Amino acid sequence: MSNPYLGTWRIIEMEQWDQDYIDLVVPGYIAFREDNPGEFQFGTVHGEIDYRIEPSPGTERLEFSWEGEDEMDPVSGRGWAMIRDGQLQGTLYFHEGDASGFVAQKEQ
């Protein structure tokens, strides 16, 4: 079965942060690789992802946990994403902290 989430997705919008912050260190991205690992970075936040594709009513969605750092401080959380109209749309949650919706486009 082919995995439509594989590859690198450029973060083009987040509810909690503007594009200047998203691209502060590197162009913001979220990436998924074969066998369930992945990573993301936006602003000063970098995380390593462990994901699974789970059934959702009438479709499926990618759900993940993550751990990493924000300005060198350890952080962790969870999130989910779905492909809608060719874009990756989802929410990233910080454990005991912020949450932000995001939209990303697949890089070619």
PDB file of N, CA and C in Angstrom:
ATOM      1  N   MET A   1       0.839  -1.180   0.000  1.00  0.00           N
ATOM      2  CA  MET A   1       0.000   0.000   0.000  1.00  0.00           C
ATOM      3  C   MET A   1       0.887   1.248   0.000  1.00  0.00           C
ATOM      4  N   SER A   2       0.606   2.164  -0.878  1.00  0.00           N
ATOM      5  CA  SER A   2       1.380   3.392  -0.997  1.00  0.00           C
ATOM      6  C   SER A   2       1.018   4.363   0.122  1.00  0.00           C
ATOM      7  N   ASN A   3       2.007   5.082   0.619  1.00  0.00           N
ATOM      8  CA  ASN A   3       1.809   6.027   1.710  1.00  0.00           C
ATOM      9  C   ASN A   3       1.858   7.448   1.153  1.00  0.00           C
ATOM     10  N   PRO A   4       0.714   8.134   1.036  1.00  0.00           N
ATOM     11  CA  PRO A   4       0.685   9.470   0.438  1.00  0.00           C
ATOM     12  C   PRO A   4       1.347  10.545   1.305  1.00  0.00           C
ATOM     13  N   TYR A   5       1.646  10.232   2.563  1.00  0.00           N
ATOM     14  CA  TYR A   5       2.248  11.211   3.472  1.00  0.00           C
ATOM     15  C   TYR A   5       3.769  11.289   3.334  1.00  0.00           C
ATOM     16  N   LEU A   6       4.388  10.274   2.735  1.00  0.00           N
ATOM     17  CA  LEU A   6       5.849  10.239   2.651  1.00  0.00           C
ATOM     18  C   LEU A   6       6.399  11.467   1.953  1.00  0.00           C
ATOM     19  N   GLY A   7       7.521  11.948   2.449  1.00  0.00           N
ATOM     20  CA  GLY A   7       8.186  13.089   1.843  1.00  0.00           C
ATOM     21  C   GLY A   7       8.216  14.282   2.781  1.00  0.00           C
ATOM     22  N   THR A   8       8.651  15.403   2.234  1.00  0.00           N
ATOM     23  CA  THR A   8       8.785  16.634   2.999  1.00  0.00           C
ATOM     24  C   THR A   8       7.690  17.612   2.594  1.00  0.00           C
ATOM     25  N   TRP A   9       7.051  18.185   3.579  1.00  0.00           N
ATOM     26  CA  TRP A   9       5.961  19.131   3.396  1.00  0.00           C
ATOM     27  C   TRP A   9       6.392  20.477   3.960  1.00  0.00           C
ATOM     28  N   ARG A  10       6.264  21.528   3.189  1.00  0.00           N
ATOM     29  CA  ARG A  10       6.643  22.884   3.583  1.00  0.00           C
ATOM     30  C   ARG A  10       5.486  23.517   4.355  1.00  0.00           C
ATOM     31  N   ILE A  11       5.735  23.942   5.595  1.00  0.00           N
ATOM     32  CA  ILE A  11       4.686  24.566   6.401  1.00  0.00           C
ATOM     33  C   ILE A  11       4.432  25.976   5.867  1.00  0.00           C
ATOM     34  N   ILE A  12       3.197  26.217   5.425  1.00  0.00           N
ATOM     35  CA  ILE A  12       2.854  27.518   4.839  1.00  0.00           C
ATOM     36  C   ILE A  12       1.928  28.338   5.733  1.00  0.00           C
ATOM     37  N   GLU A  13       1.435  27.734   6.797  1.00  0.00           N
ATOM     38  CA  GLU A  13       0.521  28.462   7.682  1.00  0.00           C
ATOM     39  C   GLU A  13       0.438  27.738   9.017  1.00  0.00           C
ATOM     40  N   MET A  14       0.413  28.520  10.114  1.00  0.00           N
ATOM     41  CA  MET A  14       0.159  27.982  11.449  1.00  0.00           C
ATOM     42  C   MET A  14      -0.755  28.966  12.167  1.00  0.00           C
ATOM     43  N   GLU A  15      -1.662  28.444  12.987  1.00  0.00           N
ATOM     44  CA  GLU A  15      -2.593  29.308  13.718  1.00  0.00           C
ATOM     45  C   GLU A  15      -1.881  30.200  14.728  1.00  0.00           C
ATOM     46  N   GLN A  16      -0.877  29.672  15.410  1.00  0.00           N
ATOM     47  CA  GLN A  16      -0.254  30.389  16.526  1.00  0.00           C
ATOM     48  C   GLN A  16       0.962  31.245  16.144  1.00  0.00           C
ATOM     49  N   TRP A  17       1.559  31.003  14.976  1.00  0.00           N
ATOM     50  CA  TRP A  17       2.799  31.694  14.629  1.00  0.00           C
ATOM     51  C   TRP A  17       2.743  32.189  13.188  1.00  0.00           C
ATOM     52  N   ASP A  18       3.378  33.342  12.924  1.00  0.00           N
ATOM     53  CA  ASP A  18       3.403  33.877  11.568  1.00  0.00           C
ATOM     54  C   ASP A  18       4.550  33.256  10.759  1.00  0.00           C
ATOM     55  N   GLN A  19       4.548  33.535   9.462  1.00  0.00           N
ATOM     56  CA  GLN A  19       5.525  32.911   8.574  1.00  0.00           C
ATOM     57  C   GLN A  19       6.965  33.308   8.916  1.00  0.00           C
ATOM     58  N   ASP A  20       7.170  34.534   9.384  1.00  0.00           N
ATOM     59  CA  ASP A  20       8.528  34.952   9.777  1.00  0.00           C
ATOM     60  C   ASP A  20       9.063  34.051  10.883  1.00  0.00           C
ATOM     61  N   TYR A  21       8.229  33.719  11.874  1.00  0.00           N
ATOM     62  CA  TYR A  21       8.677  32.815  12.936  1.00  0.00           C
ATOM     63  C   TYR A  21       8.826  31.392  12.404  1.00  0.00           C
ATOM     64  N   ILE A  22       7.863  30.928  11.622  1.00  0.00           N
ATOM     65  CA  ILE A  22       7.925  29.564  11.077  1.00  0.00           C
ATOM     66  C   ILE A  22       9.258  29.342  10.369  1.00  0.00           C
ATOM     67  N   ASP A  23       9.738  30.336   9.611  1.00  0.00           N
ATOM     68  CA  ASP A  23      10.963  30.213   8.805  1.00  0.00           C
ATOM     69  C   ASP A  23      12.185  30.826   9.483  1.00  0.00           C
ATOM     70  N   LEU A  24      12.149  31.056  10.787  1.00  0.00           N
ATOM     71  CA  LEU A  24      13.214  31.757  11.499  1.00  0.00           C
ATOM     72  C   LEU A  24      14.585  31.107  11.334  1.00  0.00           C
ATOM     73  N   VAL A  25      14.687  29.788  11.480  1.00  0.00           N
ATOM     74  CA  VAL A  25      15.973  29.087  11.423  1.00  0.00           C
ATOM     75  C   VAL A  25      16.169  28.429  10.061  1.00  0.00           C
ATOM     76  N   VAL A  26      15.164  27.712   9.614  1.00  0.00           N
ATOM     77  CA  VAL A  26      15.135  27.078   8.283  1.00  0.00           C
ATOM     78  C   VAL A  26      13.712  27.239   7.770  1.00  0.00           C
ATOM     79  N   PRO A  27      13.474  27.083   6.468  1.00  0.00           N
ATOM     80  CA  PRO A  27      12.080  27.077   6.012  1.00  0.00           C
ATOM     81  C   PRO A  27      11.309  25.973   6.769  1.00  0.00           C
ATOM     82  N   GLY A  28      10.216  26.351   7.420  1.00  0.00           N
ATOM     83  CA  GLY A  28       9.469  25.398   8.234  1.00  0.00           C
ATOM     84  C   GLY A  28       9.006  24.192   7.426  1.00  0.00           C
ATOM     85  N   TYR A  29       9.103  22.993   8.028  1.00  0.00           N
ATOM     86  CA  TYR A  29       8.730  21.770   7.317  1.00  0.00           C
ATOM     87  C   TYR A  29       8.293  20.688   8.299  1.00  0.00           C
ATOM     88  N   ILE A  30       7.625  19.695   7.754  1.00  0.00           N
ATOM     89  CA  ILE A  30       7.327  18.448   8.451  1.00  0.00           C
ATOM     90  C   ILE A  30       7.575  17.342   7.436  1.00  0.00           C
ATOM     91  N   ALA A  31       8.252  16.276   7.852  1.00  0.00           N
ATOM     92  CA  ALA A  31       8.648  15.216   6.926  1.00  0.00           C
ATOM     93  C   ALA A  31       8.324  13.852   7.518  1.00  0.00           C
ATOM     94  N   PHE A  32       7.909  12.939   6.638  1.00  0.00           N
ATOM     95  CA  PHE A  32       7.586  11.571   7.036  1.00  0.00           C
ATOM     96  C   PHE A  32       8.384  10.615   6.164  1.00  0.00           C
ATOM     97  N   ARG A  33       9.007   9.614   6.793  1.00  0.00           N
ATOM     98  CA  ARG A  33       9.816   8.636   6.077  1.00  0.00           C
ATOM     99  C   ARG A  33       9.202   7.239   6.214  1.00  0.00           C
ATOM    100  N   GLU A  34       9.744   6.308   5.432  1.00  0.00           N
ATOM    101  CA  GLU A  34       9.300   4.906   5.506  1.00  0.00           C
ATOM    102  C   GLU A  34       9.451   4.379   6.934  1.00  0.00           C
ATOM    103  N   ASP A  35       8.597   3.460   7.319  1.00  0.00           N
ATOM    104  CA  ASP A  35       8.676   2.761   8.605  1.00  0.00           C
ATOM    105  C   ASP A  35       8.443   3.647   9.823  1.00  0.00           C
ATOM    106  N   ASN A  36       7.683   4.717   9.670  1.00  0.00           N
ATOM    107  CA  ASN A  36       7.109   5.507  10.757  1.00  0.00           C
ATOM    108  C   ASN A  36       7.957   6.578  11.440  1.00  0.00           C
ATOM    109  N   PRO A  37       9.192   6.883  11.032  1.00  0.00           N
ATOM    110  CA  PRO A  37       9.845   8.050  11.639  1.00  0.00           C
ATOM    111  C   PRO A  37       9.559   9.314  10.827  1.00  0.00           C
ATOM    112  N   GLY A  38       9.859  10.432  11.413  1.00  0.00           N
ATOM    113  CA  GLY A  38       9.732  11.705  10.732  1.00  0.00           C
ATOM    114  C   GLY A  38      10.345  12.796  11.583  1.00  0.00           C
ATOM    115  N   GLU A  39      10.233  14.029  11.124  1.00  0.00           N
ATOM    116  CA  GLU A  39      10.743  15.161  11.881  1.00  0.00           C
ATOM    117  C   GLU A  39      10.063  16.429  11.399  1.00  0.00           C
ATOM    118  N   PHE A  40      10.187  17.477  12.205  1.00  0.00           N
ATOM    119  CA  PHE A  40       9.674  18.782  11.790  1.00  0.00           C
ATOM    120  C   PHE A  40      10.543  19.856  12.401  1.00  0.00           C
ATOM    121  N   GLN A  41      10.476  21.034  11.796  1.00  0.00           N
ATOM    122  CA  GLN A  41      11.072  22.220  12.387  1.00  0.00           C
ATOM    123  C   GLN A  41      10.289  23.432  11.942  1.00  0.00           C
ATOM    124  N   PHE A  42      10.009  24.283  12.897  1.00  0.00           N
ATOM    125  CA  PHE A  42       9.486  25.624  12.627  1.00  0.00           C
ATOM    126  C   PHE A  42      10.017  26.494  13.746  1.00  0.00           C
ATOM    127  N   GLY A  43      10.408  27.721  13.400  1.00  0.00           N
ATOM    128  CA  GLY A  43      10.981  28.607  14.403  1.00  0.00           C
ATOM    129  C   GLY A  43      12.148  27.932  15.104  1.00  0.00           C
ATOM    130  N   THR A  44      12.153  27.998  16.432  1.00  0.00           N
ATOM    131  CA  THR A  44      13.214  27.361  17.217  1.00  0.00           C
ATOM    132  C   THR A  44      12.809  25.974  17.707  1.00  0.00           C
ATOM    133  N   VAL A  45      11.711  25.446  17.184  1.00  0.00           N
ATOM    134  CA  VAL A  45      11.188  24.146  17.616  1.00  0.00           C
ATOM    135  C   VAL A  45      11.580  23.068  16.605  1.00  0.00           C
ATOM    136  N   HIS A  46      12.217  22.000  17.099  1.00  0.00           N
ATOM    137  CA  HIS A  46      12.564  20.855  16.260  1.00  0.00           C
ATOM    138  C   HIS A  46      12.087  19.606  16.973  1.00  0.00           C
ATOM    139  N   GLY A  47      11.482  18.693  16.240  1.00  0.00           N
ATOM    140  CA  GLY A  47      10.984  17.475  16.853  1.00  0.00           C
ATOM    141  C   GLY A  47      11.201  16.250  15.985  1.00  0.00           C
ATOM    142  N   GLU A  48      11.428  15.116  16.648  1.00  0.00           N
ATOM    143  CA  GLU A  48      11.491  13.809  16.003  1.00  0.00           C
ATOM    144  C   GLU A  48      10.127  13.149  16.182  1.00  0.00           C
ATOM    145  N   ILE A  49       9.596  12.600  15.091  1.00  0.00           N
ATOM    146  CA  ILE A  49       8.226  12.075  15.045  1.00  0.00           C
ATOM    147  C   ILE A  49       8.220  10.550  14.986  1.00  0.00           C
ATOM    148  N   ASP A  50       7.233   9.963  15.651  1.00  0.00           N
ATOM    149  CA  ASP A  50       6.874   8.546  15.493  1.00  0.00           C
ATOM    150  C   ASP A  50       5.403   8.561  15.082  1.00  0.00           C
ATOM    151  N   TYR A  51       5.108   8.117  13.843  1.00  0.00           N
ATOM    152  CA  TYR A  51       3.732   8.237  13.339  1.00  0.00           C
ATOM    153  C   TYR A  51       3.120   6.891  12.965  1.00  0.00           C
ATOM    154  N   ARG A  52       1.793   6.907  12.895  1.00  0.00           N
ATOM    155  CA  ARG A  52       0.999   5.773  12.410  1.00  0.00           C
ATOM    156  C   ARG A  52      -0.156   6.346  11.588  1.00  0.00           C
ATOM    157  N   ILE A  53      -0.579   5.610  10.583  1.00  0.00           N
ATOM    158  CA  ILE A  53      -1.770   5.994   9.819  1.00  0.00           C
ATOM    159  C   ILE A  53      -2.931   5.203  10.388  1.00  0.00           C
ATOM    160  N   GLU A  54      -3.949   5.923  10.864  1.00  0.00           N
ATOM    161  CA  GLU A  54      -5.075   5.322  11.567  1.00  0.00           C
ATOM    162  C   GLU A  54      -6.374   5.575  10.813  1.00  0.00           C
ATOM    163  N   PRO A  55      -7.306   4.601  10.864  1.00  0.00           N
ATOM    164  CA  PRO A  55      -8.610   4.836  10.264  1.00  0.00           C
ATOM    165  C   PRO A  55      -9.320   5.988  10.972  1.00  0.00           C
ATOM    166  N   SER A  56     -10.054   6.769  10.199  1.00  0.00           N
ATOM    167  CA  SER A  56     -10.864   7.865  10.724  1.00  0.00           C
ATOM    168  C   SER A  56     -12.199   7.755   9.985  1.00  0.00           C
ATOM    169  N   PRO A  57     -13.312   8.197  10.556  1.00  0.00           N
ATOM    170  CA  PRO A  57     -14.602   8.008   9.886  1.00  0.00           C
ATOM    171  C   PRO A  57     -14.578   8.437   8.416  1.00  0.00           C
ATOM    172  N   GLY A  58     -14.750   7.480   7.527  1.00  0.00           N
ATOM    173  CA  GLY A  58     -14.809   7.738   6.098  1.00  0.00           C
ATOM    174  C   GLY A  58     -13.471   7.984   5.427  1.00  0.00           C
ATOM    175  N   THR A  59     -12.377   7.946   6.177  1.00  0.00           N
ATOM    176  CA  THR A  59     -11.062   8.239   5.604  1.00  0.00           C
ATOM    177  C   THR A  59      -9.978   7.658   6.514  1.00  0.00           C
ATOM    178  N   GLU A  60      -8.818   8.280   6.521  1.00  0.00           N
ATOM    179  CA  GLU A  60      -7.745   7.915   7.429  1.00  0.00           C
ATOM    180  C   GLU A  60      -6.999   9.186   7.799  1.00  0.00           C
ATOM    181  N   ARG A  61      -6.239   9.129   8.878  1.00  0.00           N
ATOM    182  CA  ARG A  61      -5.393  10.266   9.214  1.00  0.00           C
ATOM    183  C   ARG A  61      -4.103   9.760   9.830  1.00  0.00           C
ATOM    184  N   LEU A  62      -3.095  10.590   9.727  1.00  0.00           N
ATOM    185  CA  LEU A  62      -1.797  10.284  10.297  1.00  0.00           C
ATOM    186  C   LEU A  62      -1.774  10.861  11.710  1.00  0.00           C
ATOM    187  N   GLU A  63      -1.445  10.022  12.686  1.00  0.00           N
ATOM    188  CA  GLU A  63      -1.344  10.465  14.071  1.00  0.00           C
ATOM    189  C   GLU A  63       0.087  10.246  14.523  1.00  0.00           C
ATOM    190  N   PHE A  64       0.612  11.174  15.331  1.00  0.00           N
ATOM    191  CA  PHE A  64       2.006  11.042  15.732  1.00  0.00           C
ATOM    192  C   PHE A  64       2.258  11.554  17.145  1.00  0.00           C
ATOM    193  N   SER A  65       3.320  11.031  17.721  1.00  0.00           N
ATOM    194  CA  SER A  65       3.882  11.601  18.939  1.00  0.00           C
ATOM    195  C   SER A  65       5.229  12.175  18.540  1.00  0.00           C
ATOM    196  N   TRP A  66       5.742  13.090  19.359  1.00  0.00           N
ATOM    197  CA  TRP A  66       7.031  13.699  19.027  1.00  0.00           C
ATOM    198  C   TRP A  66       7.748  14.139  20.289  1.00  0.00           C
ATOM    199  N   GLU A  67       9.072  14.236  20.154  1.00  0.00           N
ATOM    200  CA  GLU A  67       9.881  14.834  21.203  1.00  0.00           C
ATOM    201  C   GLU A  67      11.020  15.587  20.556  1.00  0.00           C
ATOM    202  N   GLY A  68      11.450  16.648  21.216  1.00  0.00           N
ATOM    203  CA  GLY A  68      12.499  17.471  20.631  1.00  0.00           C
ATOM    204  C   GLY A  68      12.890  18.599  21.551  1.00  0.00           C
ATOM    205  N   GLU A  69      13.173  19.768  20.932  1.00  0.00           N
ATOM    206  CA  GLU A  69      13.594  20.909  21.723  1.00  0.00           C
ATOM    207  C   GLU A  69      13.019  22.205  21.161  1.00  0.00           C
ATOM    208  N   ASP A  70      12.873  23.166  22.064  1.00  0.00           N
ATOM    209  CA  ASP A  70      12.456  24.525  21.725  1.00  0.00           C
ATOM    210  C   ASP A  70      13.443  25.447  22.422  1.00  0.00           C
ATOM    211  N   GLU A  71      14.284  26.139  21.660  1.00  0.00           N
ATOM    212  CA  GLU A  71      15.353  26.966  22.217  1.00  0.00           C
ATOM    213  C   GLU A  71      16.190  26.172  23.211  1.00  0.00           C
ATOM    214  N   MET A  72      16.535  24.950  22.855  1.00  0.00           N
ATOM    215  CA  MET A  72      17.395  24.053  23.631  1.00  0.00           C
ATOM    216  C   MET A  72      16.694  23.416  24.843  1.00  0.00           C
ATOM    217  N   ASP A  73      15.434  23.760  25.118  1.00  0.00           N
ATOM    218  CA  ASP A  73      14.690  23.138  26.212  1.00  0.00           C
ATOM    219  C   ASP A  73      13.949  21.920  25.681  1.00  0.00           C
ATOM    220  N   PRO A  74      13.949  20.799  26.427  1.00  0.00           N
ATOM    221  CA  PRO A  74      13.220  19.614  25.965  1.00  0.00           C
ATOM    222  C   PRO A  74      11.713  19.869  25.919  1.00  0.00           C
ATOM    223  N   VAL A  75      11.077  19.426  24.840  1.00  0.00           N
ATOM    224  CA  VAL A  75       9.633  19.511  24.669  1.00  0.00           C
ATOM    225  C   VAL A  75       9.148  18.232  24.007  1.00  0.00           C
ATOM    226  N   SER A  76       7.857  17.965  24.142  1.00  0.00           N
ATOM    227  CA  SER A  76       7.263  16.782  23.511  1.00  0.00           C
ATOM    228  C   SER A  76       5.794  17.060  23.273  1.00  0.00           C
ATOM    229  N   GLY A  77       5.155  16.145  22.568  1.00  0.00           N
ATOM    230  CA  GLY A  77       3.733  16.313  22.318  1.00  0.00           C
ATOM    231  C   GLY A  77       3.202  15.264  21.368  1.00  0.00           C
ATOM    232  N   ARG A  78       2.130  15.646  20.710  1.00  0.00           N
ATOM    233  CA  ARG A  78       1.451  14.754  19.776  1.00  0.00           C
ATOM    234  C   ARG A  78       0.859  15.588  18.662  1.00  0.00           C
ATOM    235  N   GLY A  79       0.264  14.939  17.681  1.00  0.00           N
ATOM    236  CA  GLY A  79      -0.387  15.668  16.612  1.00  0.00           C
ATOM    237  C   GLY A  79      -1.095  14.728  15.657  1.00  0.00           C
ATOM    238  N   TRP A  80      -1.731  15.313  14.691  1.00  0.00           N
ATOM    239  CA  TRP A  80      -2.406  14.545  13.644  1.00  0.00           C
ATOM    240  C   TRP A  80      -2.393  15.376  12.368  1.00  0.00           C
ATOM    241  N   ALA A  81      -2.590  14.702  11.238  1.00  0.00           N
ATOM    242  CA  ALA A  81      -2.647  15.385   9.942  1.00  0.00           C
ATOM    243  C   ALA A  81      -3.462  14.548   8.969  1.00  0.00           C
ATOM    244  N   MET A  82      -4.084  15.253   8.014  1.00  0.00           N
ATOM    245  CA  MET A  82      -4.823  14.616   6.924  1.00  0.00           C
ATOM    246  C   MET A  82      -4.491  15.364   5.647  1.00  0.00           C
ATOM    247  N   ILE A  83      -4.579  14.671   4.536  1.00  0.00           N
ATOM    248  CA  ILE A  83      -4.406  15.334   3.252  1.00  0.00           C
ATOM    249  C   ILE A  83      -5.782  15.744   2.757  1.00  0.00           C
ATOM    250  N   ARG A  84      -5.955  17.068   2.565  1.00  0.00           N
ATOM    251  CA  ARG A  84      -7.218  17.617   2.066  1.00  0.00           C
ATOM    252  C   ARG A  84      -6.893  18.567   0.931  1.00  0.00           C
ATOM    253  N   ASP A  85      -7.528  18.369  -0.202  1.00  0.00           N
ATOM    254  CA  ASP A  85      -7.318  19.234  -1.369  1.00  0.00           C
ATOM    255  C   ASP A  85      -5.837  19.382  -1.708  1.00  0.00           C
ATOM    256  N   GLY A  86      -5.079  18.292  -1.569  1.00  0.00           N
ATOM    257  CA  GLY A  86      -3.666  18.289  -1.926  1.00  0.00           C
ATOM    258  C   GLY A  86      -2.750  18.916  -0.890  1.00  0.00           C
ATOM    259  N   GLN A  87      -3.307  19.375   0.225  1.00  0.00           N
ATOM    260  CA  GLN A  87      -2.489  19.966   1.290  1.00  0.00           C
ATOM    261  C   GLN A  87      -2.549  19.101   2.538  1.00  0.00           C
ATOM    262  N   LEU A  88      -1.492  19.167   3.324  1.00  0.00           N
ATOM    263  CA  LEU A  88      -1.447  18.497   4.613  1.00  0.00           C
ATOM    264  C   LEU A  88      -2.005  19.474   5.646  1.00  0.00           C
ATOM    265  N   GLN A  89      -3.068  19.073   6.336  1.00  0.00           N
ATOM    266  CA  GLN A  89      -3.697  19.928   7.332  1.00  0.00           C
ATOM    267  C   GLN A  89      -3.810  19.156   8.633  1.00  0.00           C
ATOM    268  N   GLY A  90      -3.469  19.791   9.728  1.00  0.00           N
ATOM    269  CA  GLY A  90      -3.531  19.092  11.000  1.00  0.00           C
ATOM    270  C   GLY A  90      -3.304  20.011  12.172  1.00  0.00           C
ATOM    271  N   THR A  91      -3.014  19.412  13.324  1.00  0.00           N
ATOM    272  CA  THR A  91      -2.766  20.148  14.550  1.00  0.00           C
ATOM    273  C   THR A  91      -1.574  19.534  15.267  1.00  0.00           C
ATOM    274  N   LEU A  92      -0.705  20.406  15.781  1.00  0.00           N
ATOM    275  CA  LEU A  92       0.458  20.014  16.569  1.00  0.00           C
ATOM    276  C   LEU A  92       0.217  20.462  18.008  1.00  0.00           C
ATOM    277  N   TYR A  93       0.378  19.538  18.951  1.00  0.00           N
ATOM    278  CA  TYR A  93       0.151  19.821  20.364  1.00  0.00           C
ATOM    279  C   TYR A  93       1.462  19.699  21.135  1.00  0.00           C
ATOM    280  N   PHE A  94       1.729  20.676  22.007  1.00  0.00           N
ATOM    281  CA  PHE A  94       2.839  20.582  22.953  1.00  0.00           C
ATOM    282  C   PHE A  94       2.287  19.986  24.238  1.00  0.00           C
ATOM    283  N   HIS A  95       2.997  19.021  24.838  1.00  0.00           N
ATOM    284  CA  HIS A  95       2.577  18.437  26.110  1.00  0.00           C
ATOM    285  C   HIS A  95       2.481  19.546  27.154  1.00  0.00           C
ATOM    286  N   GLU A  96       1.309  19.679  27.760  1.00  0.00           N
ATOM    287  CA  GLU A  96       1.025  20.701  28.770  1.00  0.00           C
ATOM    288  C   GLU A  96       1.309  22.116  28.267  1.00  0.00           C
ATOM    289  N   GLY A  97       1.030  22.363  26.968  1.00  0.00           N
ATOM    290  CA  GLY A  97       1.326  23.687  26.426  1.00  0.00           C
ATOM    291  C   GLY A  97       0.445  24.046  25.250  1.00  0.00           C
ATOM    292  N   ASP A  98       1.026  24.804  24.320  1.00  0.00           N
ATOM    293  CA  ASP A  98       0.311  25.316  23.158  1.00  0.00           C
ATOM    294  C   ASP A  98      -0.154  24.214  22.207  1.00  0.00           C
ATOM    295  N   ALA A  99      -1.089  24.590  21.368  1.00  0.00           N
ATOM    296  CA  ALA A  99      -1.516  23.768  20.232  1.00  0.00           C
ATOM    297  C   ALA A  99      -1.677  24.712  19.054  1.00  0.00           C
ATOM    298  N   SER A 100      -1.386  24.219  17.868  1.00  0.00           N
ATOM    299  CA  SER A 100      -1.553  25.061  16.685  1.00  0.00           C
ATOM    300  C   SER A 100      -1.937  24.214  15.483  1.00  0.00           C
ATOM    301  N   GLY A 101      -2.969  24.668  14.777  1.00  0.00           N
ATOM    302  CA  GLY A 101      -3.275  24.075  13.493  1.00  0.00           C
ATOM    303  C   GLY A 101      -2.183  24.466  12.508  1.00  0.00           C
ATOM    304  N   PHE A 102      -1.998  23.650  11.476  1.00  0.00           N
ATOM    305  CA  PHE A 102      -1.013  23.964  10.447  1.00  0.00           C
ATOM    306  C   PHE A 102      -1.497  23.502   9.089  1.00  0.00           C
ATOM    307  N   VAL A 103      -0.930  24.107   8.050  1.00  0.00           N
ATOM    308  CA  VAL A 103      -1.166  23.721   6.671  1.00  0.00           C
ATOM    309  C   VAL A 103       0.207  23.629   6.009  1.00  0.00           C
ATOM    310  N   ALA A 104       0.422  22.572   5.218  1.00  0.00           N
ATOM    311  CA  ALA A 104       1.708  22.386   4.545  1.00  0.00           C
ATOM    312  C   ALA A 104       1.467  21.887   3.113  1.00  0.00           C
ATOM    313  N   GLN A 105       2.400  22.232   2.242  1.00  0.00           N
ATOM    314  CA  GLN A 105       2.352  21.780   0.852  1.00  0.00           C
ATOM    315  C   GLN A 105       3.531  20.861   0.586  1.00  0.00           C
ATOM    316  N   LYS A 106       3.277  19.809  -0.195  1.00  0.00           N
ATOM    317  CA  LYS A 106       4.326  18.844  -0.506  1.00  0.00           C
ATOM    318  C   LYS A 106       5.402  19.494  -1.354  1.00  0.00           C
ATOM    319  N   GLU A 107       6.666  19.265  -0.964  1.00  0.00           N
ATOM    320  CA  GLU A 107       7.778  19.755  -1.765  1.00  0.00           C
ATOM    321  C   GLU A 107       8.029  18.791  -2.902  1.00  0.00           C
ATOM    322  N   GLN A 108       8.401  19.327  -4.047  1.00  0.00           N
ATOM    323  CA  GLN A 108       8.634  18.473  -5.223  1.00  0.00           C
ATOM    324  C   GLN A 108      10.062  17.978  -5.268  1.00  0.00           C
TER     325      GLN A 108
END
